[in-house]
Amino acid sequence: MLVDITVFGQYTYLVTELLWGSVALALVWYAGAARAAARTVAVLYPPALVWDWYTLTVGVFEIPLRTGVEFLGVPLEEHIFMVVVPAMVVGTHETLRQLLDDAD
């Protein structure tokens, strides 16, 4: 049985983004990859923003368990998502690279 995280109500998506954002931040910090993560976010954020705005506008998906706070027509949680995902990828990649380089 899966854990029911909907107990956070309208804050469910925000809570999950902050949880995974803290994991991403820890990985980026551990790997010393803040600049690389920031560059990656800066490059990917604009097209991701346009894509999210478009898909939400045409009704491709809905986000029911969110705060309702929007910026530029996109939910706050999606803005956080567009930062967390590339940061998580860079943090994971750089952490693994360091760990594997140390093992050699």
PDB file of N, CA and C in Angstrom:
ATOM      1  N   MET A   1       0.835  -1.179   0.000  1.00  0.00           N
ATOM      2  CA  MET A   1       0.000   0.000   0.000  1.00  0.00           C
ATOM      3  C   MET A   1       0.884   1.248   0.000  1.00  0.00           C
ATOM      4  N   LEU A   2       0.501   2.232  -0.797  1.00  0.00           N
ATOM      5  CA  LEU A   2       1.260   3.471  -0.890  1.00  0.00           C
ATOM      6  C   LEU A   2       0.873   4.430   0.232  1.00  0.00           C
ATOM      7  N   VAL A   3       1.830   5.238   0.655  1.00  0.00           N
ATOM      8  CA  VAL A   3       1.568   6.248   1.662  1.00  0.00           C
ATOM      9  C   VAL A   3       0.689   7.340   1.053  1.00  0.00           C
ATOM     10  N   ASP A   4      -0.324   7.776   1.776  1.00  0.00           N
ATOM     11  CA  ASP A   4      -1.234   8.808   1.294  1.00  0.00           C
ATOM     12  C   ASP A   4      -0.683  10.180   1.673  1.00  0.00           C
ATOM     13  N   ILE A   5      -0.049  10.848   0.717  1.00  0.00           N
ATOM     14  CA  ILE A   5       0.511  12.168   0.999  1.00  0.00           C
ATOM     15  C   ILE A   5      -0.501  13.280   0.782  1.00  0.00           C
ATOM     16  N   THR A   6      -1.715  12.923   0.385  1.00  0.00           N
ATOM     17  CA  THR A   6      -2.728  13.956   0.151  1.00  0.00           C
ATOM     18  C   THR A   6      -3.209  14.591   1.449  1.00  0.00           C
ATOM     19  N   VAL A   7      -2.689  14.135   2.580  1.00  0.00           N
ATOM     20  CA  VAL A   7      -3.056  14.736   3.866  1.00  0.00           C
ATOM     21  C   VAL A   7      -2.633  16.203   3.917  1.00  0.00           C
ATOM     22  N   PHE A   8      -1.718  16.616   3.030  1.00  0.00           N
ATOM     23  CA  PHE A   8      -1.278  18.005   2.987  1.00  0.00           C
ATOM     24  C   PHE A   8      -2.248  18.887   2.202  1.00  0.00           C
ATOM     25  N   GLY A   9      -3.307  18.282   1.663  1.00  0.00           N
ATOM     26  CA  GLY A   9      -4.338  19.043   0.958  1.00  0.00           C
ATOM     27  C   GLY A   9      -3.766  19.866  -0.177  1.00  0.00           C
ATOM     28  N   GLN A  10      -4.123  21.147  -0.211  1.00  0.00           N
ATOM     29  CA  GLN A  10      -3.685  22.016  -1.305  1.00  0.00           C
ATOM     30  C   GLN A  10      -2.180  22.252  -1.307  1.00  0.00           C
ATOM     31  N   TYR A  11      -1.510  21.845  -0.255  1.00  0.00           N
ATOM     32  CA  TYR A  11      -0.048  22.017  -0.180  1.00  0.00           C
ATOM     33  C   TYR A  11       0.713  20.746  -0.573  1.00  0.00           C
ATOM     34  N   THR A  12       0.002  19.716  -1.013  1.00  0.00           N
ATOM     35  CA  THR A  12       0.632  18.433  -1.320  1.00  0.00           C
ATOM     36  C   THR A  12       1.751  18.572  -2.349  1.00  0.00           C
ATOM     37  N   TYR A  13       1.490  19.221  -3.459  1.00  0.00           N
ATOM     38  CA  TYR A  13       2.506  19.357  -4.510  1.00  0.00           C
ATOM     39  C   TYR A  13       3.676  20.202  -4.002  1.00  0.00           C
ATOM     40  N   LEU A  14       3.377  21.256  -3.279  1.00  0.00           N
ATOM     41  CA  LEU A  14       4.428  22.116  -2.736  1.00  0.00           C
ATOM     42  C   LEU A  14       5.315  21.345  -1.767  1.00  0.00           C
ATOM     43  N   VAL A  15       4.730  20.558  -0.895  1.00  0.00           N
ATOM     44  CA  VAL A  15       5.503  19.763   0.065  1.00  0.00           C
ATOM     45  C   VAL A  15       6.425  18.790  -0.660  1.00  0.00           C
ATOM     46  N   THR A  16       5.904  18.120  -1.687  1.00  0.00           N
ATOM     47  CA  THR A  16       6.752  17.166  -2.406  1.00  0.00           C
ATOM     48  C   THR A  16       7.880  17.881  -3.144  1.00  0.00           C
ATOM     49  N   GLU A  17       7.595  19.050  -3.697  1.00  0.00           N
ATOM     50  CA  GLU A  17       8.645  19.806  -4.392  1.00  0.00           C
ATOM     51  C   GLU A  17       9.724  20.261  -3.413  1.00  0.00           C
ATOM     52  N   LEU A  18       9.322  20.704  -2.241  1.00  0.00           N
ATOM     53  CA  LEU A  18      10.304  21.143  -1.248  1.00  0.00           C
ATOM     54  C   LEU A  18      11.119  19.969  -0.719  1.00  0.00           C
ATOM     55  N   LEU A  19      10.480  18.817  -0.546  1.00  0.00           N
ATOM     56  CA  LEU A  19      11.207  17.621  -0.111  1.00  0.00           C
ATOM     57  C   LEU A  19      12.271  17.240  -1.138  1.00  0.00           C
ATOM     58  N   TRP A  20      11.850  17.082  -2.392  1.00  0.00           N
ATOM     59  CA  TRP A  20      12.811  16.692  -3.428  1.00  0.00           C
ATOM     60  C   TRP A  20      13.799  17.813  -3.740  1.00  0.00           C
ATOM     61  N   GLY A  21      13.369  19.050  -3.556  1.00  0.00           N
ATOM     62  CA  GLY A  21      14.283  20.179  -3.720  1.00  0.00           C
ATOM     63  C   GLY A  21      15.395  20.144  -2.699  1.00  0.00           C
ATOM     64  N   SER A  22      15.084  19.719  -1.478  1.00  0.00           N
ATOM     65  CA  SER A  22      16.132  19.614  -0.457  1.00  0.00           C
ATOM     66  C   SER A  22      17.111  18.492  -0.781  1.00  0.00           C
ATOM     67  N   VAL A  23      16.616  17.409  -1.372  1.00  0.00           N
ATOM     68  CA  VAL A  23      17.510  16.336  -1.820  1.00  0.00           C
ATOM     69  C   VAL A  23      18.424  16.848  -2.929  1.00  0.00           C
ATOM     70  N   ALA A  24      17.846  17.559  -3.889  1.00  0.00           N
ATOM     71  CA  ALA A  24      18.637  18.127  -4.988  1.00  0.00           C
ATOM     72  C   ALA A  24      19.686  19.089  -4.450  1.00  0.00           C
ATOM     73  N   LEU A  25      19.290  19.948  -3.517  1.00  0.00           N
ATOM     74  CA  LEU A  25      20.224  20.904  -2.933  1.00  0.00           C
ATOM     75  C   LEU A  25      21.359  20.192  -2.209  1.00  0.00           C
ATOM     76  N   ALA A  26      21.047  19.143  -1.479  1.00  0.00           N
ATOM     77  CA  ALA A  26      22.078  18.388  -0.772  1.00  0.00           C
ATOM     78  C   ALA A  26      23.068  17.757  -1.754  1.00  0.00           C
ATOM     79  N   LEU A  27      22.566  17.196  -2.840  1.00  0.00           N
ATOM     80  CA  LEU A  27      23.452  16.593  -3.845  1.00  0.00           C
ATOM     81  C   LEU A  27      24.335  17.639  -4.513  1.00  0.00           C
ATOM     82  N   VAL A  28      23.740  18.773  -4.868  1.00  0.00           N
ATOM     83  CA  VAL A  28      24.499  19.853  -5.502  1.00  0.00           C
ATOM     84  C   VAL A  28      25.572  20.370  -4.542  1.00  0.00           C
ATOM     85  N   TRP A  29      25.204  20.535  -3.290  1.00  0.00           N
ATOM     86  CA  TRP A  29      26.156  21.019  -2.273  1.00  0.00           C
ATOM     87  C   TRP A  29      27.279  20.004  -2.075  1.00  0.00           C
ATOM     88  N   TYR A  30      26.926  18.726  -1.927  1.00  0.00           N
ATOM     89  CA  TYR A  30      27.926  17.687  -1.713  1.00  0.00           C
ATOM     90  C   TYR A  30      28.936  17.638  -2.861  1.00  0.00           C
ATOM     91  N   ALA A  31      28.434  17.780  -4.077  1.00  0.00           N
ATOM     92  CA  ALA A  31      29.291  17.675  -5.256  1.00  0.00           C
ATOM     93  C   ALA A  31      30.003  18.985  -5.575  1.00  0.00           C
ATOM     94  N   GLY A  32      29.639  20.057  -4.890  1.00  0.00           N
ATOM     95  CA  GLY A  32      30.226  21.363  -5.211  1.00  0.00           C
ATOM     96  C   GLY A  32      29.859  21.813  -6.619  1.00  0.00           C
ATOM     97  N   ALA A  33      28.626  21.553  -7.003  1.00  0.00           N
ATOM     98  CA  ALA A  33      28.196  21.781  -8.382  1.00  0.00           C
ATOM     99  C   ALA A  33      27.156  22.889  -8.506  1.00  0.00           C
ATOM    100  N   ALA A  34      27.203  23.869  -7.617  1.00  0.00           N
ATOM    101  CA  ALA A  34      26.185  24.923  -7.634  1.00  0.00           C
ATOM    102  C   ALA A  34      26.210  25.711  -8.945  1.00  0.00           C
ATOM    103  N   ARG A  35      27.393  26.056  -9.432  1.00  0.00           N
ATOM    104  CA  ARG A  35      27.474  26.818 -10.686  1.00  0.00           C
ATOM    105  C   ARG A  35      26.944  26.005 -11.863  1.00  0.00           C
ATOM    106  N   ALA A  36      27.311  24.741 -11.923  1.00  0.00           N
ATOM    107  CA  ALA A  36      26.836  23.884 -13.011  1.00  0.00           C
ATOM    108  C   ALA A  36      25.317  23.733 -12.947  1.00  0.00           C
ATOM    109  N   ALA A  37      24.787  23.555 -11.752  1.00  0.00           N
ATOM    110  CA  ALA A  37      23.336  23.420 -11.607  1.00  0.00           C
ATOM    111  C   ALA A  37      22.636  24.719 -11.986  1.00  0.00           C
ATOM    112  N   ALA A  38      23.185  25.846 -11.566  1.00  0.00           N
ATOM    113  CA  ALA A  38      22.581  27.145 -11.890  1.00  0.00           C
ATOM    114  C   ALA A  38      22.587  27.400 -13.394  1.00  0.00           C
ATOM    115  N   ARG A  39      23.687  27.057 -14.061  1.00  0.00           N
ATOM    116  CA  ARG A  39      23.754  27.227 -15.520  1.00  0.00           C
ATOM    117  C   ARG A  39      22.719  26.351 -16.215  1.00  0.00           C
ATOM    118  N   THR A  40      22.611  25.112 -15.762  1.00  0.00           N
ATOM    119  CA  THR A  40      21.669  24.175 -16.368  1.00  0.00           C
ATOM    120  C   THR A  40      20.231  24.657 -16.170  1.00  0.00           C
ATOM    121  N   VAL A  41      19.910  25.099 -14.968  1.00  0.00           N
ATOM    122  CA  VAL A  41      18.569  25.633 -14.695  1.00  0.00           C
ATOM    123  C   VAL A  41      18.303  26.846 -15.577  1.00  0.00           C
ATOM    124  N   ALA A  42      19.291  27.740 -15.679  1.00  0.00           N
ATOM    125  CA  ALA A  42      19.107  28.967 -16.478  1.00  0.00           C
ATOM    126  C   ALA A  42      18.833  28.654 -17.945  1.00  0.00           C
ATOM    127  N   VAL A  43      19.445  27.615 -18.467  1.00  0.00           N
ATOM    128  CA  VAL A  43      19.242  27.250 -19.869  1.00  0.00           C
ATOM    129  C   VAL A  43      17.901  26.539 -20.073  1.00  0.00           C
ATOM    130  N   LEU A  44      17.535  25.670 -19.149  1.00  0.00           N
ATOM    131  CA  LEU A  44      16.322  24.867 -19.328  1.00  0.00           C
ATOM    132  C   LEU A  44      15.040  25.542 -18.856  1.00  0.00           C
ATOM    133  N   TYR A  45      15.146  26.495 -17.950  1.00  0.00           N
ATOM    134  CA  TYR A  45      13.954  27.124 -17.369  1.00  0.00           C
ATOM    135  C   TYR A  45      13.068  27.817 -18.412  1.00  0.00           C
ATOM    136  N   PRO A  46      13.615  28.676 -19.284  1.00  0.00           N
ATOM    137  CA  PRO A  46      12.722  29.366 -20.232  1.00  0.00           C
ATOM    138  C   PRO A  46      11.898  28.440 -21.133  1.00  0.00           C
ATOM    139  N   PRO A  47      12.510  27.449 -21.792  1.00  0.00           N
ATOM    140  CA  PRO A  47      11.646  26.583 -22.615  1.00  0.00           C
ATOM    141  C   PRO A  47      10.688  25.743 -21.774  1.00  0.00           C
ATOM    142  N   ALA A  48      11.102  25.357 -20.582  1.00  0.00           N
ATOM    143  CA  ALA A  48      10.203  24.598 -19.709  1.00  0.00           C
ATOM    144  C   ALA A  48       9.012  25.456 -19.288  1.00  0.00           C
ATOM    145  N   LEU A  49       9.262  26.725 -19.018  1.00  0.00           N
ATOM    146  CA  LEU A  49       8.190  27.647 -18.642  1.00  0.00           C
ATOM    147  C   LEU A  49       7.179  27.783 -19.774  1.00  0.00           C
ATOM    148  N   VAL A  50       7.667  27.989 -20.985  1.00  0.00           N
ATOM    149  CA  VAL A  50       6.770  28.115 -22.139  1.00  0.00           C
ATOM    150  C   VAL A  50       5.973  26.835 -22.329  1.00  0.00           C
ATOM    151  N   TRP A  51       6.655  25.688 -22.226  1.00  0.00           N
ATOM    152  CA  TRP A  51       5.980  24.409 -22.410  1.00  0.00           C
ATOM    153  C   TRP A  51       4.922  24.196 -21.330  1.00  0.00           C
ATOM    154  N   ASP A  52       5.239  24.462 -20.062  1.00  0.00           N
ATOM    155  CA  ASP A  52       4.260  24.304 -18.987  1.00  0.00           C
ATOM    156  C   ASP A  52       3.069  25.229 -19.197  1.00  0.00           C
ATOM    157  N   TRP A  53       3.336  26.476 -19.522  1.00  0.00           N
ATOM    158  CA  TRP A  53       2.243  27.418 -19.755  1.00  0.00           C
ATOM    159  C   TRP A  53       1.330  26.899 -20.867  1.00  0.00           C
ATOM    160  N   TYR A  54       1.925  26.462 -21.969  1.00  0.00           N
ATOM    161  CA  TYR A  54       1.152  25.965 -23.101  1.00  0.00           C
ATOM    162  C   TYR A  54       0.321  24.740 -22.715  1.00  0.00           C
ATOM    163  N   THR A  55       0.938  23.746 -22.100  1.00  0.00           N
ATOM    164  CA  THR A  55       0.207  22.514 -21.784  1.00  0.00           C
ATOM    165  C   THR A  55      -0.896  22.752 -20.759  1.00  0.00           C
ATOM    166  N   LEU A  56      -0.655  23.659 -19.822  1.00  0.00           N
ATOM    167  CA  LEU A  56      -1.711  23.995 -18.864  1.00  0.00           C
ATOM    168  C   LEU A  56      -2.843  24.769 -19.541  1.00  0.00           C
ATOM    169  N   THR A  57      -2.482  25.659 -20.455  1.00  0.00           N
ATOM    170  CA  THR A  57      -3.484  26.474 -21.147  1.00  0.00           C
ATOM    171  C   THR A  57      -4.396  25.633 -22.027  1.00  0.00           C
ATOM    172  N   VAL A  58      -3.827  24.672 -22.740  1.00  0.00           N
ATOM    173  CA  VAL A  58      -4.654  23.850 -23.631  1.00  0.00           C
ATOM    174  C   VAL A  58      -5.294  22.672 -22.903  1.00  0.00           C
ATOM    175  N   GLY A  59      -4.978  22.485 -21.628  1.00  0.00           N
ATOM    176  CA  GLY A  59      -5.636  21.454 -20.833  1.00  0.00           C
ATOM    177  C   GLY A  59      -5.021  20.074 -20.922  1.00  0.00           C
ATOM    178  N   VAL A  60      -3.740  19.988 -21.227  1.00  0.00           N
ATOM    179  CA  VAL A  60      -3.083  18.685 -21.296  1.00  0.00           C
ATOM    180  C   VAL A  60      -3.074  18.013 -19.923  1.00  0.00           C
ATOM    181  N   PHE A  61      -2.839  18.794 -18.879  1.00  0.00           N
ATOM    182  CA  PHE A  61      -2.891  18.229 -17.536  1.00  0.00           C
ATOM    183  C   PHE A  61      -3.367  19.283 -16.541  1.00  0.00           C
ATOM    184  N   GLU A  62      -3.824  18.796 -15.390  1.00  0.00           N
ATOM    185  CA  GLU A  62      -4.265  19.659 -14.308  1.00  0.00           C
ATOM    186  C   GLU A  62      -3.525  19.249 -13.048  1.00  0.00           C
ATOM    187  N   ILE A  63      -3.378  20.198 -12.136  1.00  0.00           N
ATOM    188  CA  ILE A  63      -2.698  19.927 -10.878  1.00  0.00           C
ATOM    189  C   ILE A  63      -3.678  20.262  -9.756  1.00  0.00           C
ATOM    190  N   PRO A  64      -4.424  19.268  -9.276  1.00  0.00           N
ATOM    191  CA  PRO A  64      -5.483  19.555  -8.304  1.00  0.00           C
ATOM    192  C   PRO A  64      -4.977  19.885  -6.885  1.00  0.00           C
ATOM    193  N   LEU A  65      -3.916  19.274  -6.423  1.00  0.00           N
ATOM    194  CA  LEU A  65      -3.465  19.460  -5.047  1.00  0.00           C
ATOM    195  C   LEU A  65      -2.324  20.474  -4.989  1.00  0.00           C
ATOM    196  N   ARG A  66      -2.674  21.730  -5.258  1.00  0.00           N
ATOM    197  CA  ARG A  66      -1.685  22.803  -5.278  1.00  0.00           C
ATOM    198  C   ARG A  66      -2.220  24.026  -4.560  1.00  0.00           C
ATOM    199  N   THR A  67      -1.348  24.975  -4.314  1.00  0.00           N
ATOM    200  CA  THR A  67      -1.721  26.157  -3.534  1.00  0.00           C
ATOM    201  C   THR A  67      -2.655  27.095  -4.283  1.00  0.00           C
ATOM    202  N   GLY A  68      -2.606  27.108  -5.586  1.00  0.00           N
ATOM    203  CA  GLY A  68      -3.395  28.044  -6.370  1.00  0.00           C
ATOM    204  C   GLY A  68      -2.643  29.326  -6.681  1.00  0.00           C
ATOM    205  N   VAL A  69      -1.424  29.455  -6.160  1.00  0.00           N
ATOM    206  CA  VAL A  69      -0.594  30.618  -6.444  1.00  0.00           C
ATOM    207  C   VAL A  69       0.024  30.428  -7.824  1.00  0.00           C
ATOM    208  N   GLU A  70      -0.148  31.423  -8.686  1.00  0.00           N
ATOM    209  CA  GLU A  70       0.399  31.345 -10.041  1.00  0.00           C
ATOM    210  C   GLU A  70       1.269  32.551 -10.335  1.00  0.00           C
ATOM    211  N   PHE A  71       2.242  32.344 -11.175  1.00  0.00           N
ATOM    212  CA  PHE A  71       3.110  33.405 -11.662  1.00  0.00           C
ATOM    213  C   PHE A  71       3.302  33.174 -13.150  1.00  0.00           C
ATOM    214  N   LEU A  72       3.006  34.157 -13.970  1.00  0.00           N
ATOM    215  CA  LEU A  72       3.072  34.050 -15.434  1.00  0.00           C
ATOM    216  C   LEU A  72       2.178  32.937 -15.965  1.00  0.00           C
ATOM    217  N   GLY A  73       1.054  32.703 -15.297  1.00  0.00           N
ATOM    218  CA  GLY A  73       0.097  31.698 -15.739  1.00  0.00           C
ATOM    219  C   GLY A  73       0.486  30.267 -15.431  1.00  0.00           C
ATOM    220  N   VAL A  74       1.517  30.091 -14.602  1.00  0.00           N
ATOM    221  CA  VAL A  74       1.997  28.757 -14.257  1.00  0.00           C
ATOM    222  C   VAL A  74       2.011  28.638 -12.724  1.00  0.00           C
ATOM    223  N   PRO A  75       1.533  27.512 -12.177  1.00  0.00           N
ATOM    224  CA  PRO A  75       1.514  27.346 -10.724  1.00  0.00           C
ATOM    225  C   PRO A  75       2.911  27.470 -10.100  1.00  0.00           C
ATOM    226  N   LEU A  76       2.946  28.029  -8.902  1.00  0.00           N
ATOM    227  CA  LEU A  76       4.193  28.164  -8.151  1.00  0.00           C
ATOM    228  C   LEU A  76       4.960  26.846  -8.092  1.00  0.00           C
ATOM    229  N   GLU A  77       4.241  25.775  -7.852  1.00  0.00           N
ATOM    230  CA  GLU A  77       4.873  24.463  -7.714  1.00  0.00           C
ATOM    231  C   GLU A  77       5.589  24.034  -8.991  1.00  0.00           C
ATOM    232  N   GLU A  78       5.041  24.407 -10.143  1.00  0.00           N
ATOM    233  CA  GLU A  78       5.694  24.065 -11.409  1.00  0.00           C
ATOM    234  C   GLU A  78       6.984  24.860 -11.602  1.00  0.00           C
ATOM    235  N   HIS A  79       7.004  26.095 -11.139  1.00  0.00           N
ATOM    236  CA  HIS A  79       8.242  26.879 -11.198  1.00  0.00           C
ATOM    237  C   HIS A  79       9.320  26.194 -10.356  1.00  0.00           C
ATOM    238  N   ILE A  80       8.934  25.727  -9.180  1.00  0.00           N
ATOM    239  CA  ILE A  80       9.888  25.013  -8.321  1.00  0.00           C
ATOM    240  C   ILE A  80      10.345  23.732  -9.013  1.00  0.00           C
ATOM    241  N   PHE A  81       9.412  23.011  -9.613  1.00  0.00           N
ATOM    242  CA  PHE A  81       9.730  21.777 -10.338  1.00  0.00           C
ATOM    243  C   PHE A  81      10.770  22.024 -11.426  1.00  0.00           C
ATOM    244  N   MET A  82      10.632  23.155 -12.136  1.00  0.00           N
ATOM    245  CA  MET A  82      11.553  23.468 -13.233  1.00  0.00           C
ATOM    246  C   MET A  82      12.949  23.822 -12.742  1.00  0.00           C
ATOM    247  N   VAL A  83      13.103  24.069 -11.456  1.00  0.00           N
ATOM    248  CA  VAL A  83      14.412  24.287 -10.860  1.00  0.00           C
ATOM    249  C   VAL A  83      14.929  22.985 -10.253  1.00  0.00           C
ATOM    250  N   VAL A  84      14.039  22.254  -9.589  1.00  0.00           N
ATOM    251  CA  VAL A  84      14.434  21.041  -8.867  1.00  0.00           C
ATOM    252  C   VAL A  84      14.933  19.942  -9.813  1.00  0.00           C
ATOM    253  N   VAL A  85      14.233  19.698 -10.892  1.00  0.00           N
ATOM    254  CA  VAL A  85      14.594  18.572 -11.764  1.00  0.00           C
ATOM    255  C   VAL A  85      15.999  18.720 -12.366  1.00  0.00           C
ATOM    256  N   PRO A  86      16.329  19.844 -13.017  1.00  0.00           N
ATOM    257  CA  PRO A  86      17.689  19.941 -13.543  1.00  0.00           C
ATOM    258  C   PRO A  86      18.750  19.965 -12.431  1.00  0.00           C
ATOM    259  N   ALA A  87      18.428  20.578 -11.294  1.00  0.00           N
ATOM    260  CA  ALA A  87      19.380  20.577 -10.178  1.00  0.00           C
ATOM    261  C   ALA A  87      19.611  19.159  -9.669  1.00  0.00           C
ATOM    262  N   MET A  88      18.558  18.365  -9.612  1.00  0.00           N
ATOM    263  CA  MET A  88      18.680  16.964  -9.178  1.00  0.00           C
ATOM    264  C   MET A  88      19.544  16.165 -10.149  1.00  0.00           C
ATOM    265  N   VAL A  89      19.345  16.385 -11.433  1.00  0.00           N
ATOM    266  CA  VAL A  89      20.134  15.668 -12.439  1.00  0.00           C
ATOM    267  C   VAL A  89      21.610  16.040 -12.328  1.00  0.00           C
ATOM    268  N   VAL A  90      21.893  17.343 -12.265  1.00  0.00           N
ATOM    269  CA  VAL A  90      23.292  17.788 -12.160  1.00  0.00           C
ATOM    270  C   VAL A  90      23.894  17.301 -10.846  1.00  0.00           C
ATOM    271  N   GLY A  91      23.167  17.441  -9.746  1.00  0.00           N
ATOM    272  CA  GLY A  91      23.674  16.996  -8.450  1.00  0.00           C
ATOM    273  C   GLY A  91      23.956  15.504  -8.418  1.00  0.00           C
ATOM    274  N   THR A  92      23.064  14.724  -8.984  1.00  0.00           N
ATOM    275  CA  THR A  92      23.260  13.271  -9.026  1.00  0.00           C
ATOM    276  C   THR A  92      24.451  12.913  -9.909  1.00  0.00           C
ATOM    277  N   HIS A  93      24.516  13.509 -11.092  1.00  0.00           N
ATOM    278  CA  HIS A  93      25.609  13.241 -12.019  1.00  0.00           C
ATOM    279  C   HIS A  93      26.956  13.590 -11.397  1.00  0.00           C
ATOM    280  N   GLU A  94      27.058  14.766 -10.828  1.00  0.00           N
ATOM    281  CA  GLU A  94      28.332  15.208 -10.262  1.00  0.00           C
ATOM    282  C   GLU A  94      28.707  14.420  -9.003  1.00  0.00           C
ATOM    283  N   THR A  95      27.722  14.042  -8.213  1.00  0.00           N
ATOM    284  CA  THR A  95      27.998  13.214  -7.034  1.00  0.00           C
ATOM    285  C   THR A  95      28.518  11.855  -7.455  1.00  0.00           C
ATOM    286  N   LEU A  96      27.850  11.231  -8.427  1.00  0.00           N
ATOM    287  CA  LEU A  96      28.323   9.932  -8.918  1.00  0.00           C
ATOM    288  C   LEU A  96      29.707  10.022  -9.540  1.00  0.00           C
ATOM    289  N   ARG A  97      29.941  11.090 -10.282  1.00  0.00           N
ATOM    290  CA  ARG A  97      31.273  11.288 -10.898  1.00  0.00           C
ATOM    291  C   ARG A  97      32.341  11.384  -9.819  1.00  0.00           C
ATOM    292  N   GLN A  98      32.074  12.125  -8.794  1.00  0.00           N
ATOM    293  CA  GLN A  98      33.040  12.249  -7.696  1.00  0.00           C
ATOM    294  C   GLN A  98      33.261  10.928  -6.998  1.00  0.00           C
ATOM    295  N   LEU A  99      32.181  10.231  -6.672  1.00  0.00           N
ATOM    296  CA  LEU A  99      32.305   8.960  -5.969  1.00  0.00           C
ATOM    297  C   LEU A  99      33.044   7.919  -6.811  1.00  0.00           C
ATOM    298  N   LEU A 100      32.762   7.875  -8.105  1.00  0.00           N
ATOM    299  CA  LEU A 100      33.442   6.918  -8.969  1.00  0.00           C
ATOM    300  C   LEU A 100      34.893   7.304  -9.211  1.00  0.00           C
ATOM    301  N   ASP A 101      35.182   8.610  -9.309  1.00  0.00           N
ATOM    302  CA  ASP A 101      36.574   9.053  -9.454  1.00  0.00           C
ATOM    303  C   ASP A 101      37.376   8.751  -8.202  1.00  0.00           C
ATOM    304  N   ASP A 102      36.747   8.889  -7.021  1.00  0.00           N
ATOM    305  CA  ASP A 102      37.439   8.585  -5.762  1.00  0.00           C
ATOM    306  C   ASP A 102      37.708   7.096  -5.630  1.00  0.00           C
ATOM    307  N   ALA A 103      36.846   6.267  -6.238  1.00  0.00           N
ATOM    308  CA  ALA A 103      37.018   4.813  -6.148  1.00  0.00           C
ATOM    309  C   ALA A 103      38.172   4.321  -7.022  1.00  0.00           C
ATOM    310  N   ASP A 104      38.529   5.097  -8.031  1.00  0.00           N
ATOM    311  CA  ASP A 104      39.616   4.680  -8.951  1.00  0.00           C
ATOM    312  C   ASP A 104      40.980   4.911  -8.369  1.00  0.00           C
TER     313      ASP A 104
END
